[in-house]
Amino acid sequence: MSTETLEMLLEGVESGTIIPYLGPGALIGSLDQEGRRAPVTQEELILELNHGQPMPPKLMYEFPRAAMNLELKHGRSYLQRFFSKLYTERQWSRSPVHEWIAAIKPAYVIDINRDTMLQDSYAAVPHTLICGISRIGGTDFRFKLFHYNGNEYHEIGQDEVNEDLPVLFKPMGTPKPEPHYIASDADYVDYISELMGGFGIPSFVKRYRASRRYLFLGLSLTRDTERMIMSDITYGSANPRGWALIPEPTEKERRFCARVNIEIIEADIEDLLRVATANQA
């Protein structure tokens, strides 16, 4: 890893040729009003979901499994209430990644977390929000579009999108302006199926993403679910597809990234932000 490489990535994000793709690690450094850390790993999120109690090992392995188990016991609304309470009732400080995003406000950001930090970072800026949805009738699409006018959101159709505004894509959902979440196994099966069929991405994003590259931040590429979603959302990119900051990549991650033309940068988010801060000084 060289400083020149990180500077190149930073310049690409600021110019819009490289699209930031935020995984759970982008939340590191965020605290609630009582000083508790935001849940980042799947295990931490499962413990939050299950009131601090561990679940059987086969459920602790992956969050969608645990969520499916509790959905079957308590209903789908149980998961919706959990996320809405976690990300609206507890006031989270902005993570260092989101401080950086808020400072430069890229034209297009993908965030697979379910919190509102990204939206809060654009609270003073009109933008378009894409919220992923699943298991819903009356539409073939697996997203909702909202226009934010600098004060509030209202739902819009694809033909109403102002393509000059920044775009925030929250494929796994968000509490606002409406609570929608992709969380359980059943949610992911439906969402990924329609994503692969082309119904999870608005047409204007398909045009915009052509020939662009991605910077994957805080994203583990060891599990099939995250890899399938990433592959479909970034379909049609330039070659190579982009760069992933992974300080200690596993062999599985190395093989996958080689197959889909992602270059691994063996550095951490902190390294990238250190260079960004030095450039601003």
C-alpha atoms as a PDB file:
ATOM      1  CA  MET A   1       0.000   0.000   0.000  1.00  0.00           C
ATOM      2  CA  SER A   2       1.330   3.417  -0.907  1.00  0.00           C
ATOM      3  CA  THR A   3       0.215   6.920  -0.055  1.00  0.00           C
ATOM      4  CA  GLU A   4      -0.015   7.601  -3.800  1.00  0.00           C
ATOM      5  CA  THR A   5      -2.572   4.812  -4.198  1.00  0.00           C
ATOM      6  CA  LEU A   6      -4.725   6.165  -1.372  1.00  0.00           C
ATOM      7  CA  GLU A   7      -4.470   9.685  -2.790  1.00  0.00           C
ATOM      8  CA  MET A   8      -5.614   8.356  -6.168  1.00  0.00           C
ATOM      9  CA  LEU A   9      -8.636   6.705  -4.532  1.00  0.00           C
ATOM     10  CA  LEU A  10      -9.514   9.857  -2.626  1.00  0.00           C
ATOM     11  CA  GLU A  11      -9.303  11.961  -5.780  1.00  0.00           C
ATOM     12  CA  GLY A  12     -11.504   9.483  -7.629  1.00  0.00           C
ATOM     13  CA  VAL A  13     -14.190   9.583  -4.929  1.00  0.00           C
ATOM     14  CA  GLU A  14     -14.178  13.380  -4.894  1.00  0.00           C
ATOM     15  CA  SER A  15     -14.386  13.604  -8.693  1.00  0.00           C
ATOM     16  CA  GLY A  16     -17.166  11.005  -8.934  1.00  0.00           C
ATOM     17  CA  THR A  17     -15.263   8.444 -11.007  1.00  0.00           C
ATOM     18  CA  ILE A  18     -14.988   6.129  -7.986  1.00  0.00           C
ATOM     19  CA  ILE A  19     -18.138   5.285  -6.022  1.00  0.00           C
ATOM     20  CA  PRO A  20     -17.874   4.670  -2.243  1.00  0.00           C
ATOM     21  CA  TYR A  21     -19.496   1.397  -1.144  1.00  0.00           C
ATOM     22  CA  LEU A  22     -19.890   1.379   2.645  1.00  0.00           C
ATOM     23  CA  GLY A  23     -19.992  -1.883   4.578  1.00  0.00           C
ATOM     24  CA  PRO A  24     -20.505  -2.401   8.330  1.00  0.00           C
ATOM     25  CA  GLY A  25     -16.937  -1.364   9.138  1.00  0.00           C
ATOM     26  CA  ALA A  26     -17.840   2.173   8.073  1.00  0.00           C
ATOM     27  CA  LEU A  27     -19.699   2.500  11.393  1.00  0.00           C
ATOM     28  CA  ILE A  28     -16.582   1.985  13.506  1.00  0.00           C
ATOM     29  CA  GLY A  29     -16.098   4.959  15.787  1.00  0.00           C
ATOM     30  CA  SER A  30     -19.795   5.792  16.127  1.00  0.00           C
ATOM     31  CA  LEU A  31     -21.108   5.998  19.716  1.00  0.00           C
ATOM     32  CA  ASP A  32     -24.569   6.493  21.168  1.00  0.00           C
ATOM     33  CA  GLN A  33     -25.409   9.054  23.842  1.00  0.00           C
ATOM     34  CA  GLU A  34     -24.300   6.628  26.569  1.00  0.00           C
ATOM     35  CA  GLY A  35     -20.941   5.938  24.945  1.00  0.00           C
ATOM     36  CA  ARG A  36     -21.853   2.502  23.567  1.00  0.00           C
ATOM     37  CA  ARG A  37     -20.357   1.500  20.227  1.00  0.00           C
ATOM     38  CA  ALA A  38     -22.556   0.964  17.189  1.00  0.00           C
ATOM     39  CA  PRO A  39     -22.914  -2.754  16.379  1.00  0.00           C
ATOM     40  CA  VAL A  40     -20.586  -3.527  13.485  1.00  0.00           C
ATOM     41  CA  THR A  41     -20.022  -7.282  13.265  1.00  0.00           C
ATOM     42  CA  GLN A  42     -22.780  -9.782  12.573  1.00  0.00           C
ATOM     43  CA  GLU A  43     -22.293 -11.176  16.077  1.00  0.00           C
ATOM     44  CA  GLU A  44     -22.708  -7.744  17.665  1.00  0.00           C
ATOM     45  CA  LEU A  45     -25.876  -7.108  15.684  1.00  0.00           C
ATOM     46  CA  ILE A  46     -27.310 -10.519  16.641  1.00  0.00           C
ATOM     47  CA  LEU A  47     -26.659  -9.805  20.320  1.00  0.00           C
ATOM     48  CA  GLU A  48     -28.459  -6.454  19.964  1.00  0.00           C
ATOM     49  CA  LEU A  49     -31.362  -8.213  18.274  1.00  0.00           C
ATOM     50  CA  ASN A  50     -31.592 -10.913  20.954  1.00  0.00           C
ATOM     51  CA  HIS A  51     -31.386  -8.591  23.978  1.00  0.00           C
ATOM     52  CA  GLY A  52     -27.729  -9.336  24.616  1.00  0.00           C
ATOM     53  CA  GLN A  53     -28.191 -13.106  24.716  1.00  0.00           C
ATOM     54  CA  PRO A  54     -26.216 -15.421  22.395  1.00  0.00           C
ATOM     55  CA  MET A  55     -28.162 -17.706  20.080  1.00  0.00           C
ATOM     56  CA  PRO A  56     -27.216 -21.266  18.988  1.00  0.00           C
ATOM     57  CA  PRO A  57     -23.939 -21.385  17.001  1.00  0.00           C
ATOM     58  CA  LYS A  58     -25.661 -22.081  13.665  1.00  0.00           C
ATOM     59  CA  LEU A  59     -27.682 -18.870  14.122  1.00  0.00           C
ATOM     60  CA  MET A  60     -24.779 -16.796  15.453  1.00  0.00           C
ATOM     61  CA  TYR A  61     -22.850 -17.474  12.245  1.00  0.00           C
ATOM     62  CA  GLU A  62     -24.862 -15.054  10.112  1.00  0.00           C
ATOM     63  CA  PHE A  63     -27.319 -12.287  10.944  1.00  0.00           C
ATOM     64  CA  PRO A  64     -30.011 -13.183   8.343  1.00  0.00           C
ATOM     65  CA  ARG A  65     -30.310 -16.666   9.879  1.00  0.00           C
ATOM     66  CA  ALA A  66     -30.796 -15.252  13.358  1.00  0.00           C
ATOM     67  CA  ALA A  67     -33.259 -12.659  12.060  1.00  0.00           C
ATOM     68  CA  MET A  68     -35.244 -15.378  10.243  1.00  0.00           C
ATOM     69  CA  ASN A  69     -35.455 -17.430  13.432  1.00  0.00           C
ATOM     70  CA  LEU A  70     -36.869 -14.508  15.396  1.00  0.00           C
ATOM     71  CA  GLU A  71     -39.167 -13.486  12.553  1.00  0.00           C
ATOM     72  CA  LEU A  72     -40.722 -16.960  12.605  1.00  0.00           C
ATOM     73  CA  LYS A  73     -41.261 -16.656  16.363  1.00  0.00           C
ATOM     74  CA  HIS A  74     -42.421 -13.040  16.624  1.00  0.00           C
ATOM     75  CA  GLY A  75     -43.418 -11.893  13.124  1.00  0.00           C
ATOM     76  CA  ARG A  76     -41.779  -9.640  10.583  1.00  0.00           C
ATOM     77  CA  SER A  77     -42.791  -6.496  12.452  1.00  0.00           C
ATOM     78  CA  TYR A  78     -40.473  -7.565  15.283  1.00  0.00           C
ATOM     79  CA  LEU A  79     -37.463  -6.906  13.059  1.00  0.00           C
ATOM     80  CA  GLN A  80     -38.865  -3.617  11.826  1.00  0.00           C
ATOM     81  CA  ARG A  81     -39.374  -2.393  15.395  1.00  0.00           C
ATOM     82  CA  PHE A  82     -35.879  -3.519  16.359  1.00  0.00           C
ATOM     83  CA  PHE A  83     -34.106  -1.552  13.630  1.00  0.00           C
ATOM     84  CA  SER A  84     -36.276   1.522  14.023  1.00  0.00           C
ATOM     85  CA  LYS A  85     -35.581   1.571  17.763  1.00  0.00           C
ATOM     86  CA  LEU A  86     -31.852   0.910  17.313  1.00  0.00           C
ATOM     87  CA  TYR A  87     -31.295   3.623  14.730  1.00  0.00           C
ATOM     88  CA  THR A  88     -33.782   6.318  15.751  1.00  0.00           C
ATOM     89  CA  GLU A  89     -34.194   6.163  19.532  1.00  0.00           C
ATOM     90  CA  ARG A  90     -30.457   5.900  20.167  1.00  0.00           C
ATOM     91  CA  GLN A  91     -28.629   8.989  18.971  1.00  0.00           C
ATOM     92  CA  TRP A  92     -25.451   7.934  17.168  1.00  0.00           C
ATOM     93  CA  SER A  93     -22.433  10.147  16.655  1.00  0.00           C
ATOM     94  CA  ARG A  94     -21.103  10.332  13.138  1.00  0.00           C
ATOM     95  CA  SER A  95     -18.328   7.817  12.421  1.00  0.00           C
ATOM     96  CA  PRO A  96     -15.001   9.026  10.967  1.00  0.00           C
ATOM     97  CA  VAL A  97     -15.995   7.629   7.562  1.00  0.00           C
ATOM     98  CA  HIS A  98     -19.233   9.605   7.642  1.00  0.00           C
ATOM     99  CA  GLU A  99     -17.385  12.732   8.762  1.00  0.00           C
ATOM    100  CA  TRP A 100     -15.294  12.365   5.613  1.00  0.00           C
ATOM    101  CA  ILE A 101     -18.358  11.666   3.444  1.00  0.00           C
ATOM    102  CA  ALA A 102     -20.145  14.678   4.940  1.00  0.00           C
ATOM    103  CA  ALA A 103     -17.168  16.901   4.102  1.00  0.00           C
ATOM    104  CA  ILE A 104     -16.889  15.952   0.427  1.00  0.00           C
ATOM    105  CA  LYS A 105     -20.481  14.812  -0.348  1.00  0.00           C
ATOM    106  CA  PRO A 106     -19.882  12.434  -3.278  1.00  0.00           C
ATOM    107  CA  ALA A 107     -22.461  12.371  -6.073  1.00  0.00           C
ATOM    108  CA  TYR A 108     -23.342   8.716  -5.438  1.00  0.00           C
ATOM    109  CA  VAL A 109     -22.838   6.602  -2.312  1.00  0.00           C
ATOM    110  CA  ILE A 110     -23.903   3.008  -1.653  1.00  0.00           C
ATOM    111  CA  ASP A 111     -24.398   2.113   2.010  1.00  0.00           C
ATOM    112  CA  ILE A 112     -25.442  -1.418   2.998  1.00  0.00           C
ATOM    113  CA  ASN A 113     -25.947  -0.434   6.646  1.00  0.00           C
ATOM    114  CA  ARG A 114     -29.427   0.333   7.977  1.00  0.00           C
ATOM    115  CA  ASP A 115     -28.678   3.424  10.077  1.00  0.00           C
ATOM    116  CA  THR A 116     -29.349   7.050   9.098  1.00  0.00           C
ATOM    117  CA  MET A 117     -25.784   8.390   9.342  1.00  0.00           C
ATOM    118  CA  LEU A 118     -25.400   8.778   5.580  1.00  0.00           C
ATOM    119  CA  GLN A 119     -28.712  10.597   5.259  1.00  0.00           C
ATOM    120  CA  ASP A 120     -27.824  12.825   8.206  1.00  0.00           C
ATOM    121  CA  SER A 121     -24.558  13.695   6.450  1.00  0.00           C
ATOM    122  CA  TYR A 122     -26.621  15.090   3.544  1.00  0.00           C
ATOM    123  CA  ALA A 123     -29.299  16.695   5.729  1.00  0.00           C
ATOM    124  CA  ALA A 124     -28.592  20.184   4.383  1.00  0.00           C
ATOM    125  CA  VAL A 125     -28.385  19.050   0.758  1.00  0.00           C
ATOM    126  CA  PRO A 126     -31.251  18.091  -1.578  1.00  0.00           C
ATOM    127  CA  HIS A 127     -30.717  14.522  -2.760  1.00  0.00           C
ATOM    128  CA  THR A 128     -32.346  11.350  -4.055  1.00  0.00           C
ATOM    129  CA  LEU A 129     -32.715   8.386  -1.702  1.00  0.00           C
ATOM    130  CA  ILE A 130     -33.042   4.836  -3.008  1.00  0.00           C
ATOM    131  CA  CYS A 131     -34.354   2.484  -0.319  1.00  0.00           C
ATOM    132  CA  GLY A 132     -34.311  -1.270  -0.865  1.00  0.00           C
ATOM    133  CA  ILE A 133     -37.530  -3.197  -0.172  1.00  0.00           C
ATOM    134  CA  SER A 134     -38.530  -6.853  -0.260  1.00  0.00           C
ATOM    135  CA  ARG A 135     -41.561  -9.139  -0.080  1.00  0.00           C
ATOM    136  CA  ILE A 136     -43.966  -6.432  -1.134  1.00  0.00           C
ATOM    137  CA  GLY A 137     -46.928  -6.678  -3.493  1.00  0.00           C
ATOM    138  CA  GLY A 138     -48.187  -4.352  -6.175  1.00  0.00           C
ATOM    139  CA  THR A 139     -44.836  -3.739  -7.857  1.00  0.00           C
ATOM    140  CA  ASP A 140     -42.125  -5.628  -9.684  1.00  0.00           C
ATOM    141  CA  PHE A 141     -39.454  -3.315  -8.294  1.00  0.00           C
ATOM    142  CA  ARG A 142     -37.499  -3.807  -5.088  1.00  0.00           C
ATOM    143  CA  PHE A 143     -36.809  -0.177  -4.289  1.00  0.00           C
ATOM    144  CA  LYS A 144     -38.564   3.047  -3.401  1.00  0.00           C
ATOM    145  CA  LEU A 145     -37.376   6.471  -4.521  1.00  0.00           C
ATOM    146  CA  PHE A 146     -37.592   9.608  -2.407  1.00  0.00           C
ATOM    147  CA  HIS A 147     -36.689  13.221  -3.137  1.00  0.00           C
ATOM    148  CA  TYR A 148     -35.234  15.222  -0.244  1.00  0.00           C
ATOM    149  CA  ASN A 149     -35.755  18.957  -0.670  1.00  0.00           C
ATOM    150  CA  GLY A 150     -33.442  20.047   2.150  1.00  0.00           C
ATOM    151  CA  ASN A 151     -36.183  19.715   4.742  1.00  0.00           C
ATOM    152  CA  GLU A 152     -38.252  16.570   4.150  1.00  0.00           C
ATOM    153  CA  TYR A 153     -38.655  13.516   1.926  1.00  0.00           C
ATOM    154  CA  HIS A 154     -41.460  12.689  -0.448  1.00  0.00           C
ATOM    155  CA  GLU A 155     -41.817   9.619  -2.654  1.00  0.00           C
ATOM    156  CA  ILE A 156     -41.234  10.028  -6.382  1.00  0.00           C
ATOM    157  CA  GLY A 157     -41.277   7.904  -9.520  1.00  0.00           C
ATOM    158  CA  GLN A 158     -38.305   7.139 -11.746  1.00  0.00           C
ATOM    159  CA  ASP A 159     -39.389   9.770 -14.260  1.00  0.00           C
ATOM    160  CA  GLU A 160     -39.318  12.445 -11.520  1.00  0.00           C
ATOM    161  CA  VAL A 161     -35.692  11.987 -10.482  1.00  0.00           C
ATOM    162  CA  ASN A 162     -33.457  15.041 -10.773  1.00  0.00           C
ATOM    163  CA  GLU A 163     -30.237  13.410 -11.994  1.00  0.00           C
ATOM    164  CA  ASP A 164     -28.178  16.453 -11.022  1.00  0.00           C
ATOM    165  CA  LEU A 165     -28.682  15.719  -7.307  1.00  0.00           C
ATOM    166  CA  PRO A 166     -26.549  13.388  -5.160  1.00  0.00           C
ATOM    167  CA  VAL A 167     -27.853   9.824  -4.882  1.00  0.00           C
ATOM    168  CA  LEU A 168     -27.841   7.835  -1.637  1.00  0.00           C
ATOM    169  CA  PHE A 169     -28.505   4.130  -2.165  1.00  0.00           C
ATOM    170  CA  LYS A 170     -29.522   2.182   0.955  1.00  0.00           C
ATOM    171  CA  PRO A 171     -30.161  -1.341  -0.398  1.00  0.00           C
ATOM    172  CA  MET A 172     -30.662  -2.914   3.052  1.00  0.00           C
ATOM    173  CA  GLY A 173     -33.064  -0.190   4.130  1.00  0.00           C
ATOM    174  CA  THR A 174     -33.339   2.726   6.523  1.00  0.00           C
ATOM    175  CA  PRO A 175     -35.773   3.989   9.202  1.00  0.00           C
ATOM    176  CA  LYS A 176     -36.566   7.206   7.356  1.00  0.00           C
ATOM    177  CA  PRO A 177     -38.630   8.472   5.722  1.00  0.00           C
ATOM    178  CA  GLU A 178     -40.343   5.055   5.951  1.00  0.00           C
ATOM    179  CA  PRO A 179     -38.987   2.013   7.798  1.00  0.00           C
ATOM    180  CA  HIS A 180     -38.022  -0.662   5.281  1.00  0.00           C
ATOM    181  CA  TYR A 181     -35.389  -3.311   5.968  1.00  0.00           C
ATOM    182  CA  ILE A 182     -33.771  -6.287   4.264  1.00  0.00           C
ATOM    183  CA  ALA A 183     -32.832  -8.447   7.250  1.00  0.00           C
ATOM    184  CA  SER A 184     -34.044 -12.065   7.355  1.00  0.00           C
ATOM    185  CA  ASP A 185     -33.197 -14.933   5.025  1.00  0.00           C
ATOM    186  CA  ALA A 186     -36.613 -14.554   3.372  1.00  0.00           C
ATOM    187  CA  ASP A 187     -35.958 -10.849   2.738  1.00  0.00           C
ATOM    188  CA  TYR A 188     -32.586 -11.563   1.152  1.00  0.00           C
ATOM    189  CA  VAL A 189     -33.902 -14.368  -1.060  1.00  0.00           C
ATOM    190  CA  ASP A 190     -36.584 -12.100  -2.491  1.00  0.00           C
ATOM    191  CA  TYR A 191     -34.333  -9.057  -2.805  1.00  0.00           C
ATOM    192  CA  ILE A 192     -31.398 -10.846  -4.413  1.00  0.00           C
ATOM    193  CA  SER A 193     -33.680 -12.670  -6.873  1.00  0.00           C
ATOM    194  CA  GLU A 194     -35.172  -9.403  -8.108  1.00  0.00           C
ATOM    195  CA  LEU A 195     -31.795  -7.651  -7.996  1.00  0.00           C
ATOM    196  CA  MET A 196     -30.390 -10.317 -10.326  1.00  0.00           C
ATOM    197  CA  GLY A 197     -33.393  -9.812 -12.595  1.00  0.00           C
ATOM    198  CA  GLY A 198     -32.716  -6.081 -12.854  1.00  0.00           C
ATOM    199  CA  PHE A 199     -35.625  -4.943 -10.676  1.00  0.00           C
ATOM    200  CA  GLY A 200     -33.558  -3.770  -7.699  1.00  0.00           C
ATOM    201  CA  ILE A 201     -31.790  -0.864  -9.429  1.00  0.00           C
ATOM    202  CA  PRO A 202     -33.475   2.240 -10.915  1.00  0.00           C
ATOM    203  CA  SER A 203     -32.790   2.837 -14.594  1.00  0.00           C
ATOM    204  CA  PHE A 204     -31.031   6.171 -14.014  1.00  0.00           C
ATOM    205  CA  VAL A 205     -28.517   4.437 -11.699  1.00  0.00           C
ATOM    206  CA  LYS A 206     -27.860   1.770 -14.327  1.00  0.00           C
ATOM    207  CA  ARG A 207     -26.893   4.563 -16.713  1.00  0.00           C
ATOM    208  CA  TYR A 208     -24.832   6.442 -14.161  1.00  0.00           C
ATOM    209  CA  ARG A 209     -22.818   3.456 -12.919  1.00  0.00           C
ATOM    210  CA  ALA A 210     -21.617   2.422 -16.382  1.00  0.00           C
ATOM    211  CA  SER A 211     -17.817   2.431 -16.611  1.00  0.00           C
ATOM    212  CA  ARG A 212     -17.351   3.666 -13.054  1.00  0.00           C
ATOM    213  CA  ARG A 213     -15.340   1.938 -10.348  1.00  0.00           C
ATOM    214  CA  TYR A 214     -15.915   1.370  -6.632  1.00  0.00           C
ATOM    215  CA  LEU A 215     -14.086   1.767  -3.362  1.00  0.00           C
ATOM    216  CA  PHE A 216     -15.258  -0.859  -0.857  1.00  0.00           C
ATOM    217  CA  LEU A 217     -14.872   0.347   2.716  1.00  0.00           C
ATOM    218  CA  GLY A 218     -15.512  -1.748   5.811  1.00  0.00           C
ATOM    219  CA  LEU A 219     -16.867  -4.635   3.765  1.00  0.00           C
ATOM    220  CA  SER A 220     -16.059  -8.282   4.463  1.00  0.00           C
ATOM    221  CA  LEU A 221     -16.177 -10.417   1.329  1.00  0.00           C
ATOM    222  CA  THR A 222     -16.177 -13.803   3.038  1.00  0.00           C
ATOM    223  CA  ARG A 223     -19.934 -14.467   2.899  1.00  0.00           C
ATOM    224  CA  ASP A 224     -21.998 -15.267  -0.184  1.00  0.00           C
ATOM    225  CA  THR A 225     -24.873 -12.919   0.679  1.00  0.00           C
ATOM    226  CA  GLU A 226     -22.733  -9.767   0.736  1.00  0.00           C
ATOM    227  CA  ARG A 227     -20.818 -10.918  -2.346  1.00  0.00           C
ATOM    228  CA  MET A 228     -23.957 -11.537  -4.421  1.00  0.00           C
ATOM    229  CA  ILE A 229     -25.449  -8.164  -3.497  1.00  0.00           C
ATOM    230  CA  MET A 230     -22.195  -6.362  -4.222  1.00  0.00           C
ATOM    231  CA  SER A 231     -21.759  -8.109  -7.564  1.00  0.00           C
ATOM    232  CA  ASP A 232     -25.258  -7.216  -8.762  1.00  0.00           C
ATOM    233  CA  ILE A 233     -25.227  -3.615  -7.514  1.00  0.00           C
ATOM    234  CA  THR A 234     -21.872  -2.946  -9.192  1.00  0.00           C
ATOM    235  CA  TYR A 235     -22.705  -4.776 -12.430  1.00  0.00           C
ATOM    236  CA  GLY A 236     -21.574  -2.923 -15.552  1.00  0.00           C
ATOM    237  CA  SER A 237     -18.592  -1.284 -13.888  1.00  0.00           C
ATOM    238  CA  ALA A 238     -15.270  -0.558 -15.504  1.00  0.00           C
ATOM    239  CA  ASN A 239     -12.559  -3.198 -15.493  1.00  0.00           C
ATOM    240  CA  PRO A 240     -11.096  -3.547 -12.899  1.00  0.00           C
ATOM    241  CA  ARG A 241     -14.257  -3.185 -10.852  1.00  0.00           C
ATOM    242  CA  GLY A 242     -12.534  -1.261  -8.077  1.00  0.00           C
ATOM    243  CA  TRP A 243     -10.557  -1.486  -4.872  1.00  0.00           C
ATOM    244  CA  ALA A 244     -11.305  -3.029  -1.470  1.00  0.00           C
ATOM    245  CA  LEU A 245      -9.563  -1.856   1.682  1.00  0.00           C
ATOM    246  CA  ILE A 246      -8.958  -5.088   3.607  1.00  0.00           C
ATOM    247  CA  PRO A 247      -6.072  -4.949   6.097  1.00  0.00           C
ATOM    248  CA  GLU A 248      -5.767  -8.737   6.500  1.00  0.00           C
ATOM    249  CA  PRO A 249      -7.563 -10.436   3.584  1.00  0.00           C
ATOM    250  CA  THR A 250      -8.412 -14.122   3.841  1.00  0.00           C
ATOM    251  CA  GLU A 251      -7.586 -16.545   1.055  1.00  0.00           C
ATOM    252  CA  LYS A 252     -11.301 -16.709   0.282  1.00  0.00           C
ATOM    253  CA  GLU A 253     -11.403 -12.942  -0.161  1.00  0.00           C
ATOM    254  CA  ARG A 254      -8.282 -13.002  -2.319  1.00  0.00           C
ATOM    255  CA  ARG A 255      -9.756 -15.621  -4.652  1.00  0.00           C
ATOM    256  CA  PHE A 256     -13.106 -13.863  -4.916  1.00  0.00           C
ATOM    257  CA  CYS A 257     -11.591 -10.432  -5.582  1.00  0.00           C
ATOM    258  CA  ALA A 258      -9.296 -11.870  -8.247  1.00  0.00           C
ATOM    259  CA  ARG A 259     -12.283 -13.494  -9.942  1.00  0.00           C
ATOM    260  CA  VAL A 260     -14.404 -10.314 -10.051  1.00  0.00           C
ATOM    261  CA  ASN A 261     -11.503  -7.930 -10.794  1.00  0.00           C
ATOM    262  CA  ILE A 262     -11.315  -6.113  -7.471  1.00  0.00           C
ATOM    263  CA  GLU A 263      -7.874  -5.056  -6.316  1.00  0.00           C
ATOM    264  CA  ILE A 264      -7.257  -5.584  -2.599  1.00  0.00           C
ATOM    265  CA  ILE A 265      -5.482  -2.733  -0.828  1.00  0.00           C
ATOM    266  CA  GLU A 266      -4.000  -4.093   2.396  1.00  0.00           C
ATOM    267  CA  ALA A 267      -4.805  -0.991   4.392  1.00  0.00           C
ATOM    268  CA  ASP A 268      -7.462   0.094   6.848  1.00  0.00           C
ATOM    269  CA  ILE A 269     -10.040   2.862   6.700  1.00  0.00           C
ATOM    270  CA  GLU A 270      -7.889   4.758   9.185  1.00  0.00           C
ATOM    271  CA  ASP A 271      -5.020   4.793   6.667  1.00  0.00           C
ATOM    272  CA  LEU A 272      -7.277   6.291   4.001  1.00  0.00           C
ATOM    273  CA  LEU A 273      -8.680   8.934   6.337  1.00  0.00           C
ATOM    274  CA  ARG A 274      -5.205   9.801   7.598  1.00  0.00           C
ATOM    275  CA  VAL A 275      -4.191  10.671   4.038  1.00  0.00           C
ATOM    276  CA  ALA A 276      -7.447  12.573   3.506  1.00  0.00           C
ATOM    277  CA  THR A 277      -6.804  14.638   6.643  1.00  0.00           C
ATOM    278  CA  ALA A 278      -3.204  15.337   5.616  1.00  0.00           C
ATOM    279  CA  ASN A 279      -4.383  16.553   2.205  1.00  0.00           C
ATOM    280  CA  GLN A 280      -6.845  18.945   3.834  1.00  0.00           C
ATOM    281  CA  ALA A 281      -4.202  20.414   6.164  1.00  0.00           C
END
